[in-house]
């Protein structure tokens, strides 16, 4: 599908002009309206890592690049990972689930940087 706005549109699937999952195209009117002070464009997107990202179902890559006129500026390739795990809190020495248990996950050993998880 193609979504149009006043300043850009994006294409997916067979509508793309190159081998990417989607592309964002700035409209000619938008580009003509830019001034010398308009030097930064920020594009933010999110993606869901799925189990079919690679043969092992865990690792994959994401890459982005910029093409302006006939010049392509490569971006960095980023490794992505899909992981699935279940956590349960039990009463010590038993398999009895602890009712109402809540968990927090931290990315550092000191427990200062919390990682927020989503369930899909």
PDB file of N, CA and C in Angstrom:
ATOM      1  N   UNK A   1       0.836  -1.191   0.000  1.00  0.00           N
ATOM      2  CA  UNK A   1       0.000   0.000   0.000  1.00  0.00           C
ATOM      3  C   UNK A   1       0.870   1.240   0.000  1.00  0.00           C
ATOM      4  N   UNK A   2       0.327   2.331  -0.449  1.00  0.00           N
ATOM      5  CA  UNK A   2       1.039   3.600  -0.466  1.00  0.00           C
ATOM      6  C   UNK A   2       0.271   4.590   0.387  1.00  0.00           C
ATOM      7  N   UNK A   3       0.963   5.198   1.343  1.00  0.00           N
ATOM      8  CA  UNK A   3       0.342   6.214   2.193  1.00  0.00           C
ATOM      9  C   UNK A   3       0.852   7.572   1.746  1.00  0.00           C
ATOM     10  N   UNK A   4      -0.049   8.497   1.493  1.00  0.00           N
ATOM     11  CA  UNK A   4       0.355   9.825   1.064  1.00  0.00           C
ATOM     12  C   UNK A   4       0.102  10.847   2.159  1.00  0.00           C
ATOM     13  N   UNK A   5       1.034  11.749   2.341  1.00  0.00           N
ATOM     14  CA  UNK A   5       0.830  12.914   3.191  1.00  0.00           C
ATOM     15  C   UNK A   5       1.278  14.113   2.375  1.00  0.00           C
ATOM     16  N   UNK A   6       1.270  15.274   2.969  1.00  0.00           N
ATOM     17  CA  UNK A   6       1.659  16.459   2.216  1.00  0.00           C
ATOM     18  C   UNK A   6       3.156  16.551   1.991  1.00  0.00           C
ATOM     19  N   UNK A   7       3.968  15.846   2.776  1.00  0.00           N
ATOM     20  CA  UNK A   7       5.417  15.990   2.643  1.00  0.00           C
ATOM     21  C   UNK A   7       6.142  14.717   2.220  1.00  0.00           C
ATOM     22  N   UNK A   8       5.513  13.579   2.332  1.00  0.00           N
ATOM     23  CA  UNK A   8       6.206  12.347   1.982  1.00  0.00           C
ATOM     24  C   UNK A   8       5.191  11.265   1.661  1.00  0.00           C
ATOM     25  N   UNK A   9       5.665  10.184   1.122  1.00  0.00           N
ATOM     26  CA  UNK A   9       4.860   8.976   1.013  1.00  0.00           C
ATOM     27  C   UNK A   9       5.794   7.789   1.156  1.00  0.00           C
ATOM     28  N   UNK A  10       5.229   6.656   1.478  1.00  0.00           N
ATOM     29  CA  UNK A  10       6.074   5.468   1.538  1.00  0.00           C
ATOM     30  C   UNK A  10       5.456   4.365   0.711  1.00  0.00           C
ATOM     31  N   UNK A  11       6.323   3.496   0.236  1.00  0.00           N
ATOM     32  CA  UNK A  11       5.889   2.391  -0.610  1.00  0.00           C
ATOM     33  C   UNK A  11       6.331   1.081   0.021  1.00  0.00           C
ATOM     34  N   UNK A  12       5.507   0.071  -0.179  1.00  0.00           N
ATOM     35  CA  UNK A  12       5.839  -1.265   0.309  1.00  0.00           C
ATOM     36  C   UNK A  12       5.657  -2.262  -0.823  1.00  0.00           C
ATOM     37  N   UNK A  13       6.253  -3.433  -0.648  1.00  0.00           N
ATOM     38  CA  UNK A  13       6.053  -4.520  -1.598  1.00  0.00           C
ATOM     39  C   UNK A  13       6.501  -4.178  -3.004  1.00  0.00           C
ATOM     40  N   UNK A  14       5.676  -4.519  -3.993  1.00  0.00           N
ATOM     41  CA  UNK A  14       6.052  -4.347  -5.395  1.00  0.00           C
ATOM     42  C   UNK A  14       6.088  -2.887  -5.828  1.00  0.00           C
ATOM     43  N   UNK A  15       5.608  -1.971  -4.989  1.00  0.00           N
ATOM     44  CA  UNK A  15       5.624  -0.546  -5.330  1.00  0.00           C
ATOM     45  C   UNK A  15       7.008   0.074  -5.155  1.00  0.00           C
ATOM     46  N   UNK A  16       7.924  -0.636  -4.527  1.00  0.00           N
ATOM     47  CA  UNK A  16       9.243  -0.085  -4.217  1.00  0.00           C
ATOM     48  C   UNK A  16      10.081   0.084  -5.471  1.00  0.00           C
ATOM     49  N   UNK A  17      11.026   1.014  -5.388  1.00  0.00           N
ATOM     50  CA  UNK A  17      11.931   1.206  -6.517  1.00  0.00           C
ATOM     51  C   UNK A  17      13.240   0.446  -6.329  1.00  0.00           C
ATOM     52  N   UNK A  18      13.441  -0.171  -5.162  1.00  0.00           N
ATOM     53  CA  UNK A  18      14.662  -0.944  -4.919  1.00  0.00           C
ATOM     54  C   UNK A  18      14.360  -2.067  -3.937  1.00  0.00           C
ATOM     55  N   UNK A  19      15.380  -2.770  -3.505  1.00  0.00           N
ATOM     56  CA  UNK A  19      15.191  -3.973  -2.689  1.00  0.00           C
ATOM     57  C   UNK A  19      15.111  -3.664  -1.197  1.00  0.00           C
ATOM     58  N   UNK A  20      14.107  -2.941  -0.783  1.00  0.00           N
ATOM     59  CA  UNK A  20      13.939  -2.683   0.641  1.00  0.00           C
ATOM     60  C   UNK A  20      12.508  -3.033   1.030  1.00  0.00           C
ATOM     61  N   UNK A  21      12.261  -3.151   2.324  1.00  0.00           N
ATOM     62  CA  UNK A  21      10.924  -3.496   2.778  1.00  0.00           C
ATOM     63  C   UNK A  21       9.963  -2.325   2.680  1.00  0.00           C
ATOM     64  N   UNK A  22      10.475  -1.126   2.854  1.00  0.00           N
ATOM     65  CA  UNK A  22       9.671   0.069   2.613  1.00  0.00           C
ATOM     66  C   UNK A  22      10.599   1.222   2.305  1.00  0.00           C
ATOM     67  N   UNK A  23      10.086   2.210   1.630  1.00  0.00           N
ATOM     68  CA  UNK A  23      10.886   3.388   1.363  1.00  0.00           C
ATOM     69  C   UNK A  23      10.050   4.630   1.601  1.00  0.00           C
ATOM     70  N   UNK A  24      10.711   5.666   2.071  1.00  0.00           N
ATOM     71  CA  UNK A  24      10.069   6.950   2.311  1.00  0.00           C
ATOM     72  C   UNK A  24      10.571   7.896   1.231  1.00  0.00           C
ATOM     73  N   UNK A  25       9.656   8.520   0.529  1.00  0.00           N
ATOM     74  CA  UNK A  25      10.009   9.407  -0.570  1.00  0.00           C
ATOM     75  C   UNK A  25       9.484  10.802  -0.249  1.00  0.00           C
ATOM     76  N   UNK A  26      10.382  11.789  -0.210  1.00  0.00           N
ATOM     77  CA  UNK A  26       9.971  13.172   0.024  1.00  0.00           C
ATOM     78  C   UNK A  26       9.363  13.719  -1.262  1.00  0.00           C
ATOM     79  N   UNK A  27       8.256  14.418  -1.143  1.00  0.00           N
ATOM     80  CA  UNK A  27       7.620  14.959  -2.333  1.00  0.00           C
ATOM     81  C   UNK A  27       8.436  16.117  -2.891  1.00  0.00           C
ATOM     82  N   UNK A  28       8.303  16.333  -4.179  1.00  0.00           N
ATOM     83  CA  UNK A  28       9.036  17.416  -4.833  1.00  0.00           C
ATOM     84  C   UNK A  28       8.665  18.768  -4.230  1.00  0.00           C
ATOM     85  N   UNK A  29       7.391  18.946  -3.903  1.00  0.00           N
ATOM     86  CA  UNK A  29       6.945  20.204  -3.301  1.00  0.00           C
ATOM     87  C   UNK A  29       7.630  20.440  -1.957  1.00  0.00           C
ATOM     88  N   UNK A  30       7.778  19.383  -1.175  1.00  0.00           N
ATOM     89  CA  UNK A  30       8.435  19.506   0.126  1.00  0.00           C
ATOM     90  C   UNK A  30       9.898  19.905  -0.043  1.00  0.00           C
ATOM     91  N   UNK A  31      10.594  19.222  -0.939  1.00  0.00           N
ATOM     92  CA  UNK A  31      12.015  19.500  -1.152  1.00  0.00           C
ATOM     93  C   UNK A  31      12.207  20.929  -1.661  1.00  0.00           C
ATOM     94  N   UNK A  32      11.359  21.381  -2.570  1.00  0.00           N
ATOM     95  CA  UNK A  32      11.469  22.746  -3.096  1.00  0.00           C
ATOM     96  C   UNK A  32      11.248  23.786  -2.006  1.00  0.00           C
ATOM     97  N   UNK A  33      10.474  23.441  -0.979  1.00  0.00           N
ATOM     98  CA  UNK A  33      10.186  24.376   0.098  1.00  0.00           C
ATOM     99  C   UNK A  33      11.251  24.442   1.179  1.00  0.00           C
ATOM    100  N   UNK A  34      12.275  23.610   1.092  1.00  0.00           N
ATOM    101  CA  UNK A  34      13.335  23.620   2.101  1.00  0.00           C
ATOM    102  C   UNK A  34      14.206  24.861   1.963  1.00  0.00           C
ATOM    103  N   UNK A  35      14.662  25.357   3.090  1.00  0.00           N
ATOM    104  CA  UNK A  35      15.563  26.512   3.084  1.00  0.00           C
ATOM    105  C   UNK A  35      16.965  26.052   3.465  1.00  0.00           C
ATOM    106  N   UNK A  36      17.914  26.972   3.421  1.00  0.00           N
ATOM    107  CA  UNK A  36      19.298  26.651   3.789  1.00  0.00           C
ATOM    108  C   UNK A  36      19.405  26.202   5.236  1.00  0.00           C
ATOM    109  N   UNK A  37      18.472  26.611   6.078  1.00  0.00           N
ATOM    110  CA  UNK A  37      18.501  26.215   7.493  1.00  0.00           C
ATOM    111  C   UNK A  37      17.927  24.819   7.727  1.00  0.00           C
ATOM    112  N   UNK A  38      17.269  24.255   6.719  1.00  0.00           N
ATOM    113  CA  UNK A  38      16.670  22.922   6.844  1.00  0.00           C
ATOM    114  C   UNK A  38      17.708  21.864   6.488  1.00  0.00           C
ATOM    115  N   UNK A  39      18.614  21.587   7.404  1.00  0.00           N
ATOM    116  CA  UNK A  39      19.719  20.670   7.126  1.00  0.00           C
ATOM    117  C   UNK A  39      19.530  19.285   7.733  1.00  0.00           C
ATOM    118  N   UNK A  40      18.566  19.140   8.628  1.00  0.00           N
ATOM    119  CA  UNK A  40      18.404  17.869   9.323  1.00  0.00           C
ATOM    120  C   UNK A  40      17.010  17.313   9.083  1.00  0.00           C
ATOM    121  N   UNK A  41      16.964  16.057   8.731  1.00  0.00           N
ATOM    122  CA  UNK A  41      15.705  15.342   8.598  1.00  0.00           C
ATOM    123  C   UNK A  41      15.824  14.104   9.465  1.00  0.00           C
ATOM    124  N   UNK A  42      14.893  13.925  10.367  1.00  0.00           N
ATOM    125  CA  UNK A  42      14.907  12.759  11.244  1.00  0.00           C
ATOM    126  C   UNK A  42      13.767  11.838  10.851  1.00  0.00           C
ATOM    127  N   UNK A  43      14.095  10.601  10.559  1.00  0.00           N
ATOM    128  CA  UNK A  43      13.108   9.582  10.242  1.00  0.00           C
ATOM    129  C   UNK A  43      13.178   8.538  11.338  1.00  0.00           C
ATOM    130  N   UNK A  44      12.087   8.353  12.031  1.00  0.00           N
ATOM    131  CA  UNK A  44      12.033   7.371  13.108  1.00  0.00           C
ATOM    132  C   UNK A  44      11.041   6.287  12.715  1.00  0.00           C
ATOM    133  N   UNK A  45      11.444   5.051  12.872  1.00  0.00           N
ATOM    134  CA  UNK A  45      10.537   3.954  12.585  1.00  0.00           C
ATOM    135  C   UNK A  45      10.780   2.840  13.583  1.00  0.00           C
ATOM    136  N   UNK A  46       9.821   1.971  13.709  1.00  0.00           N
ATOM    137  CA  UNK A  46      10.000   0.804  14.565  1.00  0.00           C
ATOM    138  C   UNK A  46       9.667  -0.429  13.743  1.00  0.00           C
ATOM    139  N   UNK A  47      10.206  -1.532  14.175  1.00  0.00           N
ATOM    140  CA  UNK A  47       9.987  -2.780  13.462  1.00  0.00           C
ATOM    141  C   UNK A  47       9.857  -3.906  14.467  1.00  0.00           C
ATOM    142  N   UNK A  48       9.139  -4.914  14.085  1.00  0.00           N
ATOM    143  CA  UNK A  48       8.981  -6.092  14.934  1.00  0.00           C
ATOM    144  C   UNK A  48       9.896  -7.186  14.399  1.00  0.00           C
ATOM    145  N   UNK A  49      10.736  -7.714  15.250  1.00  0.00           N
ATOM    146  CA  UNK A  49      11.614  -8.813  14.875  1.00  0.00           C
ATOM    147  C   UNK A  49      10.791 -10.093  14.957  1.00  0.00           C
ATOM    148  N   UNK A  50      10.744 -10.835  13.872  1.00  0.00           N
ATOM    149  CA  UNK A  50       9.959 -12.064  13.834  1.00  0.00           C
ATOM    150  C   UNK A  50      10.876 -13.276  13.751  1.00  0.00           C
ATOM    151  N   UNK A  51      10.318 -14.437  13.965  1.00  0.00           N
ATOM    152  CA  UNK A  51      11.122 -15.659  13.990  1.00  0.00           C
ATOM    153  C   UNK A  51      11.670 -16.046  12.622  1.00  0.00           C
ATOM    154  N   UNK A  52      11.177 -15.445  11.551  1.00  0.00           N
ATOM    155  CA  UNK A  52      11.683 -15.793  10.224  1.00  0.00           C
ATOM    156  C   UNK A  52      12.787 -14.847   9.750  1.00  0.00           C
ATOM    157  N   UNK A  53      13.493 -14.208  10.682  1.00  0.00           N
ATOM    158  CA  UNK A  53      14.529 -13.254  10.304  1.00  0.00           C
ATOM    159  C   UNK A  53      15.762 -13.928   9.723  1.00  0.00           C
ATOM    160  N   UNK A  54      15.983 -15.192  10.031  1.00  0.00           N
ATOM    161  CA  UNK A  54      17.124 -15.913   9.470  1.00  0.00           C
ATOM    162  C   UNK A  54      16.861 -17.399   9.564  1.00  0.00           C
ATOM    163  N   UNK A  55      17.801 -18.171   9.071  1.00  0.00           N
ATOM    164  CA  UNK A  55      17.656 -19.619   9.120  1.00  0.00           C
ATOM    165  C   UNK A  55      17.577 -20.167  10.524  1.00  0.00           C
ATOM    166  N   UNK A  56      18.258 -19.505  11.480  1.00  0.00           N
ATOM    167  CA  UNK A  56      18.221 -20.012  12.851  1.00  0.00           C
ATOM    168  C   UNK A  56      17.048 -19.448  13.649  1.00  0.00           C
ATOM    169  N   UNK A  57      16.304 -18.488  13.083  1.00  0.00           N
ATOM    170  CA  UNK A  57      15.143 -17.937  13.773  1.00  0.00           C
ATOM    171  C   UNK A  57      15.480 -17.019  14.928  1.00  0.00           C
ATOM    172  N   UNK A  58      16.754 -16.681  15.093  1.00  0.00           N
ATOM    173  CA  UNK A  58      17.160 -15.845  16.226  1.00  0.00           C
ATOM    174  C   UNK A  58      17.876 -14.580  15.765  1.00  0.00           C
ATOM    175  N   UNK A  59      18.784 -14.703  14.809  1.00  0.00           N
ATOM    176  CA  UNK A  59      19.581 -13.544  14.406  1.00  0.00           C
ATOM    177  C   UNK A  59      19.136 -13.006  13.052  1.00  0.00           C
ATOM    178  N   UNK A  60      19.381 -11.752  12.846  1.00  0.00           N
ATOM    179  CA  UNK A  60      19.050 -11.123  11.574  1.00  0.00           C
ATOM    180  C   UNK A  60      19.798  -9.819  11.444  1.00  0.00           C
ATOM    181  N   UNK A  61      19.440  -9.036  10.452  1.00  0.00           N
ATOM    182  CA  UNK A  61      20.091  -7.743  10.285  1.00  0.00           C
ATOM    183  C   UNK A  61      19.067  -6.718   9.819  1.00  0.00           C
ATOM    184  N   UNK A  62      19.356  -5.489  10.101  1.00  0.00           N
ATOM    185  CA  UNK A  62      18.552  -4.372   9.645  1.00  0.00           C
ATOM    186  C   UNK A  62      19.517  -3.368   9.039  1.00  0.00           C
ATOM    187  N   UNK A  63      19.164  -2.832   7.915  1.00  0.00           N
ATOM    188  CA  UNK A  63      20.026  -1.828   7.321  1.00  0.00           C
ATOM    189  C   UNK A  63      19.178  -0.726   6.700  1.00  0.00           C
ATOM    190  N   UNK A  64      19.732   0.458   6.691  1.00  0.00           N
ATOM    191  CA  UNK A  64      19.063   1.610   6.099  1.00  0.00           C
ATOM    192  C   UNK A  64      20.090   2.406   5.320  1.00  0.00           C
ATOM    193  N   UNK A  65      19.644   3.071   4.283  1.00  0.00           N
ATOM    194  CA  UNK A  65      20.531   3.909   3.501  1.00  0.00           C
ATOM    195  C   UNK A  65      19.730   5.078   2.958  1.00  0.00           C
ATOM    196  N   UNK A  66      20.439   6.068   2.474  1.00  0.00           N
ATOM    197  CA  UNK A  66      19.805   7.255   1.920  1.00  0.00           C
ATOM    198  C   UNK A  66      20.208   7.390   0.462  1.00  0.00           C
ATOM    199  N   UNK A  67      19.244   7.623  -0.397  1.00  0.00           N
ATOM    200  CA  UNK A  67      19.532   7.880  -1.797  1.00  0.00           C
ATOM    201  C   UNK A  67      18.999   9.262  -2.137  1.00  0.00           C
ATOM    202  N   UNK A  68      19.879  10.108  -2.639  1.00  0.00           N
ATOM    203  CA  UNK A  68      19.494  11.453  -3.053  1.00  0.00           C
ATOM    204  C   UNK A  68      19.978  11.648  -4.470  1.00  0.00           C
ATOM    205  N   UNK A  69      19.037  11.910  -5.346  1.00  0.00           N
ATOM    206  CA  UNK A  69      19.316  11.956  -6.778  1.00  0.00           C
ATOM    207  C   UNK A  69      19.923  10.618  -7.163  1.00  0.00           C
ATOM    208  N   UNK A  70      21.112  10.576  -7.663  1.00  0.00           N
ATOM    209  CA  UNK A  70      21.723   9.298  -8.054  1.00  0.00           C
ATOM    210  C   UNK A  70      22.787   8.838  -7.074  1.00  0.00           C
ATOM    211  N   UNK A  71      22.877   9.477  -5.909  1.00  0.00           N
ATOM    212  CA  UNK A  71      23.908   9.144  -4.937  1.00  0.00           C
ATOM    213  C   UNK A  71      23.302   8.370  -3.774  1.00  0.00           C
ATOM    214  N   UNK A  72      23.891   7.230  -3.448  1.00  0.00           N
ATOM    215  CA  UNK A  72      23.444   6.443  -2.304  1.00  0.00           C
ATOM    216  C   UNK A  72      24.465   6.573  -1.187  1.00  0.00           C
ATOM    217  N   UNK A  73      23.972   6.934  -0.015  1.00  0.00           N
ATOM    218  CA  UNK A  73      24.815   7.054   1.173  1.00  0.00           C
ATOM    219  C   UNK A  73      24.506   5.855   2.055  1.00  0.00           C
ATOM    220  N   UNK A  74      25.465   4.942   2.213  1.00  0.00           N
ATOM    221  CA  UNK A  74      25.180   3.748   3.011  1.00  0.00           C
ATOM    222  C   UNK A  74      25.028   4.085   4.490  1.00  0.00           C
ATOM    223  N   UNK A  75      24.184   3.332   5.150  1.00  0.00           N
ATOM    224  CA  UNK A  75      24.035   3.451   6.598  1.00  0.00           C
ATOM    225  C   UNK A  75      24.706   2.274   7.266  1.00  0.00           C
ATOM    226  N   UNK A  76      24.592   2.219   8.553  1.00  0.00           N
ATOM    227  CA  UNK A  76      25.174   1.102   9.291  1.00  0.00           C
ATOM    228  C   UNK A  76      24.222  -0.086   9.286  1.00  0.00           C
ATOM    229  N   UNK A  77      24.793  -1.267   9.182  1.00  0.00           N
ATOM    230  CA  UNK A  77      24.005  -2.483   9.320  1.00  0.00           C
ATOM    231  C   UNK A  77      23.946  -2.826  10.802  1.00  0.00           C
ATOM    232  N   UNK A  78      22.769  -3.131  11.283  1.00  0.00           N
ATOM    233  CA  UNK A  78      22.572  -3.434  12.693  1.00  0.00           C
ATOM    234  C   UNK A  78      22.102  -4.869  12.841  1.00  0.00           C
ATOM    235  N   UNK A  79      22.712  -5.602  13.754  1.00  0.00           N
ATOM    236  CA  UNK A  79      22.249  -6.955  14.047  1.00  0.00           C
ATOM    237  C   UNK A  79      21.013  -6.870  14.932  1.00  0.00           C
ATOM    238  N   UNK A  80      20.047  -7.729  14.659  1.00  0.00           N
ATOM    239  CA  UNK A  80      18.840  -7.807  15.482  1.00  0.00           C
ATOM    240  C   UNK A  80      18.666  -9.244  15.943  1.00  0.00           C
ATOM    241  N   UNK A  81      18.032  -9.388  17.065  1.00  0.00           N
ATOM    242  CA  UNK A  81      17.857 -10.712  17.661  1.00  0.00           C
ATOM    243  C   UNK A  81      16.409 -10.895  18.097  1.00  0.00           C
ATOM    244  N   UNK A  82      15.917 -12.092  17.923  1.00  0.00           N
ATOM    245  CA  UNK A  82      14.602 -12.460  18.437  1.00  0.00           C
ATOM    246  C   UNK A  82      14.833 -13.501  19.517  1.00  0.00           C
ATOM    247  N   UNK A  83      14.260 -13.298  20.650  1.00  0.00           N
ATOM    248  CA  UNK A  83      14.430 -14.252  21.745  1.00  0.00           C
ATOM    249  C   UNK A  83      13.101 -14.427  22.455  1.00  0.00           C
ATOM    250  N   UNK A  84      12.840 -15.614  22.848  1.00  0.00           N
ATOM    251  CA  UNK A  84      11.612 -15.924  23.556  1.00  0.00           C
ATOM    252  C   UNK A  84      11.980 -16.640  24.837  1.00  0.00           C
ATOM    253  N   UNK A  85      11.418 -16.210  25.925  1.00  0.00           N
ATOM    254  CA  UNK A  85      11.702 -16.869  27.184  1.00  0.00           C
ATOM    255  C   UNK A  85      10.520 -16.688  28.117  1.00  0.00           C
ATOM    256  N   UNK A  86      10.419 -17.600  29.041  1.00  0.00           N
ATOM    257  CA  UNK A  86       9.360 -17.540  30.053  1.00  0.00           C
ATOM    258  C   UNK A  86      10.025 -17.459  31.421  1.00  0.00           C
ATOM    259  N   UNK A  87       9.489 -16.624  32.270  1.00  0.00           N
ATOM    260  CA  UNK A  87      10.020 -16.457  33.621  1.00  0.00           C
ATOM    261  C   UNK A  87       8.901 -16.787  34.592  1.00  0.00           C
ATOM    262  N   UNK A  88       9.208 -17.571  35.599  1.00  0.00           N
ATOM    263  CA  UNK A  88       8.212 -17.832  36.634  1.00  0.00           C
ATOM    264  C   UNK A  88       8.875 -17.775  37.998  1.00  0.00           C
ATOM    265  N   UNK A  89       8.171 -17.246  38.930  1.00  0.00           N
ATOM    266  CA  UNK A  89       8.658 -17.126  40.310  1.00  0.00           C
ATOM    267  C   UNK A  89       7.952 -18.205  41.118  1.00  0.00           C
ATOM    268  N   UNK A  90       8.750 -19.022  41.807  1.00  0.00           N
ATOM    269  CA  UNK A  90       8.184 -20.115  42.605  1.00  0.00           C
ATOM    270  C   UNK A  90       8.614 -19.972  44.058  1.00  0.00           C
ATOM    271  N   UNK A  91       7.859 -20.593  44.912  1.00  0.00           N
ATOM    272  CA  UNK A  91       8.220 -20.643  46.328  1.00  0.00           C
ATOM    273  C   UNK A  91       9.464 -21.511  46.445  1.00  0.00           C
ATOM    274  N   UNK A  92      10.471 -21.034  47.158  1.00  0.00           N
ATOM    275  CA  UNK A  92      11.756 -21.721  47.274  1.00  0.00           C
ATOM    276  C   UNK A  92      11.574 -23.196  47.607  1.00  0.00           C
ATOM    277  N   UNK A  93      12.283 -24.041  46.862  1.00  0.00           N
ATOM    278  CA  UNK A  93      12.261 -25.473  47.112  1.00  0.00           C
ATOM    279  C   UNK A  93      11.028 -26.180  46.578  1.00  0.00           C
ATOM    280  N   UNK A  94      10.165 -25.474  45.850  1.00  0.00           N
ATOM    281  CA  UNK A  94       8.946 -26.085  45.308  1.00  0.00           C
ATOM    282  C   UNK A  94       8.767 -25.668  43.855  1.00  0.00           C
ATOM    283  N   UNK A  95       7.741 -26.230  43.231  1.00  0.00           N
ATOM    284  CA  UNK A  95       7.334 -25.801  41.890  1.00  0.00           C
ATOM    285  C   UNK A  95       6.071 -24.954  41.960  1.00  0.00           C
ATOM    286  N   UNK A  96       5.701 -24.526  43.165  1.00  0.00           N
ATOM    287  CA  UNK A  96       4.481 -23.752  43.367  1.00  0.00           C
ATOM    288  C   UNK A  96       4.704 -22.300  42.948  1.00  0.00           C
ATOM    289  N   UNK A  97       3.877 -21.847  42.001  1.00  0.00           N
ATOM    290  CA  UNK A  97       3.997 -20.468  41.536  1.00  0.00           C
ATOM    291  C   UNK A  97       3.697 -19.494  42.658  1.00  0.00           C
ATOM    292  N   UNK A  98       4.448 -18.422  42.701  1.00  0.00           N
ATOM    293  CA  UNK A  98       4.233 -17.368  43.681  1.00  0.00           C
ATOM    294  C   UNK A  98       3.200 -16.404  43.098  1.00  0.00           C
ATOM    295  N   UNK A  99       2.001 -16.361  43.687  1.00  0.00           N
ATOM    296  CA  UNK A  99       0.943 -15.524  43.115  1.00  0.00           C
ATOM    297  C   UNK A  99       1.304 -14.039  43.164  1.00  0.00           C
ATOM    298  N   UNK A 100       0.965 -13.324  42.083  1.00  0.00           N
ATOM    299  CA  UNK A 100       1.180 -11.882  42.036  1.00  0.00           C
ATOM    300  C   UNK A 100       2.619 -11.451  41.843  1.00  0.00           C
ATOM    301  N   UNK A 101       3.511 -12.380  41.510  1.00  0.00           N
ATOM    302  CA  UNK A 101       4.930 -12.031  41.340  1.00  0.00           C
ATOM    303  C   UNK A 101       5.094 -11.079  40.163  1.00  0.00           C
ATOM    304  N   UNK A 102       5.970 -10.090  40.326  1.00  0.00           N
ATOM    305  CA  UNK A 102       6.281  -9.134  39.265  1.00  0.00           C
ATOM    306  C   UNK A 102       7.784  -9.137  39.049  1.00  0.00           C
ATOM    307  N   UNK A 103       8.189  -8.831  37.833  1.00  0.00           N
ATOM    308  CA  UNK A 103       9.594  -8.879  37.473  1.00  0.00           C
ATOM    309  C   UNK A 103      10.023  -7.580  36.823  1.00  0.00           C
ATOM    310  N   UNK A 104      11.283  -7.277  36.988  1.00  0.00           N
ATOM    311  CA  UNK A 104      11.923  -6.177  36.270  1.00  0.00           C
ATOM    312  C   UNK A 104      13.231  -6.715  35.712  1.00  0.00           C
ATOM    313  N   UNK A 105      13.545  -6.314  34.511  1.00  0.00           N
ATOM    314  CA  UNK A 105      14.764  -6.756  33.846  1.00  0.00           C
ATOM    315  C   UNK A 105      15.681  -5.547  33.683  1.00  0.00           C
ATOM    316  N   UNK A 106      16.956  -5.731  34.023  1.00  0.00           N
ATOM    317  CA  UNK A 106      17.927  -4.645  33.937  1.00  0.00           C
ATOM    318  C   UNK A 106      19.054  -5.040  33.000  1.00  0.00           C
ATOM    319  N   UNK A 107      19.604  -4.077  32.299  1.00  0.00           N
ATOM    320  CA  UNK A 107      20.684  -4.353  31.353  1.00  0.00           C
ATOM    321  C   UNK A 107      22.062  -4.245  31.991  1.00  0.00           C
ATOM    322  N   UNK A 108      22.116  -3.862  33.261  1.00  0.00           N
ATOM    323  CA  UNK A 108      23.398  -3.730  33.945  1.00  0.00           C
ATOM    324  C   UNK A 108      23.357  -4.472  35.280  1.00  0.00           C
ATOM    325  N   UNK A 109      24.504  -4.847  35.768  1.00  0.00           N
ATOM    326  CA  UNK A 109      24.600  -5.634  37.003  1.00  0.00           C
ATOM    327  C   UNK A 109      24.162  -4.860  38.237  1.00  0.00           C
ATOM    328  N   UNK A 110      24.209  -3.535  38.181  1.00  0.00           N
ATOM    329  CA  UNK A 110      23.834  -2.736  39.355  1.00  0.00           C
ATOM    330  C   UNK A 110      22.333  -2.503  39.453  1.00  0.00           C
ATOM    331  N   UNK A 111      21.586  -2.882  38.427  1.00  0.00           N
ATOM    332  CA  UNK A 111      20.133  -2.723  38.467  1.00  0.00           C
ATOM    333  C   UNK A 111      19.674  -1.280  38.340  1.00  0.00           C
ATOM    334  N   UNK A 112      20.384  -0.487  37.548  1.00  0.00           N
ATOM    335  CA  UNK A 112      19.992   0.914  37.384  1.00  0.00           C
ATOM    336  C   UNK A 112      19.336   1.210  36.036  1.00  0.00           C
ATOM    337  N   UNK A 113      19.590   0.378  35.028  1.00  0.00           N
ATOM    338  CA  UNK A 113      19.027   0.619  33.705  1.00  0.00           C
ATOM    339  C   UNK A 113      17.989  -0.453  33.389  1.00  0.00           C
ATOM    340  N   UNK A 114      16.721  -0.096  33.580  1.00  0.00           N
ATOM    341  CA  UNK A 114      15.651  -1.068  33.373  1.00  0.00           C
ATOM    342  C   UNK A 114      15.373  -1.248  31.883  1.00  0.00           C
ATOM    343  N   UNK A 115      15.101  -2.489  31.493  1.00  0.00           N
ATOM    344  CA  UNK A 115      14.730  -2.831  30.131  1.00  0.00           C
ATOM    345  C   UNK A 115      13.230  -3.087  30.141  1.00  0.00           C
ATOM    346  N   UNK A 116      12.516  -2.410  29.270  1.00  0.00           N
ATOM    347  CA  UNK A 116      11.066  -2.553  29.217  1.00  0.00           C
ATOM    348  C   UNK A 116      10.695  -3.565  28.150  1.00  0.00           C
ATOM    349  N   UNK A 117       9.913  -4.526  28.531  1.00  0.00           N
ATOM    350  CA  UNK A 117       9.506  -5.597  27.635  1.00  0.00           C
ATOM    351  C   UNK A 117       8.058  -5.406  27.232  1.00  0.00           C
ATOM    352  N   UNK A 118       7.726  -5.906  26.058  1.00  0.00           N
ATOM    353  CA  UNK A 118       6.332  -5.907  25.632  1.00  0.00           C
ATOM    354  C   UNK A 118       5.945  -7.332  25.294  1.00  0.00           C
ATOM    355  N   UNK A 119       4.722  -7.637  25.469  1.00  0.00           N
ATOM    356  CA  UNK A 119       4.203  -8.969  25.160  1.00  0.00           C
ATOM    357  C   UNK A 119       3.367  -8.862  23.904  1.00  0.00           C
ATOM    358  N   UNK A 120       3.685  -9.688  22.900  1.00  0.00           N
ATOM    359  CA  UNK A 120       2.909  -9.663  21.662  1.00  0.00           C
ATOM    360  C   UNK A 120       2.327 -11.014  21.386  1.00  0.00           C
TER     361      UNK A 120
END
